[in-house]
Amino acid sequence: METSSSESTNSGAQIEIEVAYATPDKQLILTVSVAEDCSVYDAAVASGIDKKFPEINLESSKMGIFSKLVSKPKLQTLKPGDRIEVYRPLLIDPKESRKNRAAKVKAEKGK
């Protein structure tokens, strides 16, 4: 796990938050100081995490705070100590994956 710190240049009251992203091979948690009225989306942009992981598209990526999905990251503000998590897109729908596994097991039993 790699950690890093980044400072925002916003004036006014600042809070410290973390922005996290993980791939199967690497995890990164950045500590960032942002304005206290900063949105989840703006904090993710300010962290620069998309520069460390070019595959991230912050405009379309789902985000959460401590594993709870944020439905409107451009509107939700943060509290001191929050950890924003940027989620990778699913490669396959979990329901579809279960169906595929069940069909494979059924086919193997029929042999």
Protein backbone atom coordinates (compact mmCIF):
# COMPACT_ATOMS: atom_id res chain seq x y z
CA MET A 1 0.00 0.00 0.00
CA GLU A 2 1.31 3.41 -0.93
CA THR A 3 0.28 6.62 0.82
CA SER A 4 0.88 10.18 -0.16
CA SER A 5 -0.08 13.66 0.97
CA SER A 6 -1.37 16.54 -1.12
CA GLU A 7 -2.27 20.07 -0.11
CA SER A 8 -5.08 22.10 -1.67
CA THR A 9 -4.59 25.79 -2.31
CA ASN A 10 -8.15 26.78 -1.31
CA SER A 11 -8.42 29.55 1.25
CA GLY A 12 -10.67 29.32 4.30
CA ALA A 13 -11.23 26.46 6.70
CA GLN A 14 -9.60 23.22 5.63
CA ILE A 15 -10.32 19.62 6.53
CA GLU A 16 -8.15 16.57 6.01
CA ILE A 17 -9.61 13.61 4.11
CA GLU A 18 -8.30 10.57 2.28
CA VAL A 19 -8.87 9.42 -1.29
CA ALA A 20 -8.37 5.70 -2.02
CA TYR A 21 -8.19 3.57 -5.15
CA ALA A 22 -7.09 -0.01 -5.61
CA THR A 23 -6.35 -2.39 -8.43
CA PRO A 24 -5.64 -6.10 -7.99
CA ASP A 25 -1.92 -5.18 -7.90
CA LYS A 26 -1.73 -1.82 -6.15
CA GLN A 27 -3.55 0.24 -3.53
CA LEU A 28 -3.06 3.96 -2.99
CA ILE A 29 -4.46 6.19 -0.25
CA LEU A 30 -3.80 9.91 -0.58
CA THR A 31 -4.24 12.34 2.31
CA VAL A 32 -5.58 15.68 1.08
CA SER A 33 -6.46 19.01 2.70
CA VAL A 34 -9.56 20.52 1.12
CA ALA A 35 -12.02 23.31 1.87
CA GLU A 36 -14.58 22.25 4.46
CA ASP A 37 -17.42 22.68 1.92
CA CYS A 38 -15.64 20.56 -0.71
CA SER A 39 -17.66 17.92 -2.57
CA VAL A 40 -16.65 14.28 -2.87
CA TYR A 41 -15.99 14.75 -6.58
CA ASP A 42 -13.93 17.94 -6.13
CA ALA A 43 -11.80 16.29 -3.44
CA ALA A 44 -11.12 13.31 -5.71
CA VAL A 45 -10.05 15.70 -8.47
CA ALA A 46 -7.90 17.72 -6.05
CA SER A 47 -6.13 14.56 -4.89
CA GLY A 48 -4.75 13.91 -8.38
CA ILE A 49 -5.45 10.20 -8.00
CA ASP A 50 -6.46 10.05 -11.65
CA LYS A 51 -2.90 11.06 -12.56
CA LYS A 52 -1.52 8.06 -10.66
CA PHE A 53 -4.08 5.72 -12.26
CA PRO A 54 -4.80 6.97 -15.82
CA GLU A 55 -7.61 4.41 -16.25
CA ILE A 56 -9.75 6.36 -13.75
CA ASN A 57 -12.41 8.62 -15.23
CA LEU A 58 -13.61 10.67 -12.27
CA GLU A 59 -16.58 11.97 -14.28
CA SER A 60 -18.06 8.50 -14.58
CA SER A 61 -16.49 6.53 -11.71
CA LYS A 62 -18.67 5.52 -8.80
CA MET A 63 -17.44 6.80 -5.45
CA GLY A 64 -18.17 6.06 -1.84
CA ILE A 65 -17.27 7.17 1.66
CA PHE A 66 -16.12 4.32 3.91
CA SER A 67 -17.72 1.69 1.61
CA LYS A 68 -21.08 3.48 1.38
CA LEU A 69 -21.95 4.49 -2.20
CA VAL A 70 -22.39 8.23 -2.77
CA SER A 71 -25.20 8.79 -5.26
CA LYS A 72 -24.31 12.42 -6.08
CA PRO A 73 -20.56 12.94 -5.56
CA LYS A 74 -20.66 16.46 -7.06
CA LEU A 75 -23.20 17.55 -4.42
CA GLN A 76 -22.27 15.64 -1.26
CA THR A 77 -19.88 17.48 1.05
CA LEU A 78 -17.28 15.90 3.28
CA LYS A 79 -16.55 15.71 6.98
CA PRO A 80 -13.06 15.75 8.49
CA GLY A 81 -11.47 12.31 8.31
CA ASP A 82 -13.73 10.95 5.55
CA ARG A 83 -12.17 8.42 3.18
CA ILE A 84 -13.37 8.69 -0.41
CA GLU A 85 -13.14 5.45 -2.34
CA VAL A 86 -13.07 5.52 -6.12
CA TYR A 87 -14.52 2.25 -7.42
CA ARG A 88 -13.41 0.33 -10.49
CA PRO A 89 -16.16 -0.59 -12.96
CA LEU A 90 -17.43 -4.16 -12.81
CA LEU A 91 -16.12 -6.37 -15.59
CA ILE A 92 -19.24 -8.54 -15.48
CA ASP A 93 -22.57 -8.21 -13.70
CA PRO A 94 -22.51 -10.36 -10.52
CA LYS A 95 -25.85 -11.97 -11.43
CA GLU A 96 -24.53 -12.91 -14.86
CA SER A 97 -21.38 -14.34 -13.28
CA ARG A 98 -23.45 -16.55 -10.95
CA LYS A 99 -25.57 -17.76 -13.90
CA ASN A 100 -22.41 -18.63 -15.84
CA ARG A 101 -20.96 -20.59 -12.92
CA ALA A 102 -24.25 -22.45 -12.37
CA ALA A 103 -24.48 -23.34 -16.08
CA LYS A 104 -20.88 -24.60 -16.03
CA VAL A 105 -21.55 -26.81 -12.99
CA LYS A 106 -24.74 -28.15 -14.59
CA ALA A 107 -22.90 -28.93 -17.84
CA GLU A 108 -20.11 -30.75 -15.95
CA LYS A 109 -22.63 -32.87 -14.03
CA GLY A 110 -24.31 -33.86 -17.30
CA LYS A 111 -21.07 -35.33 -18.71
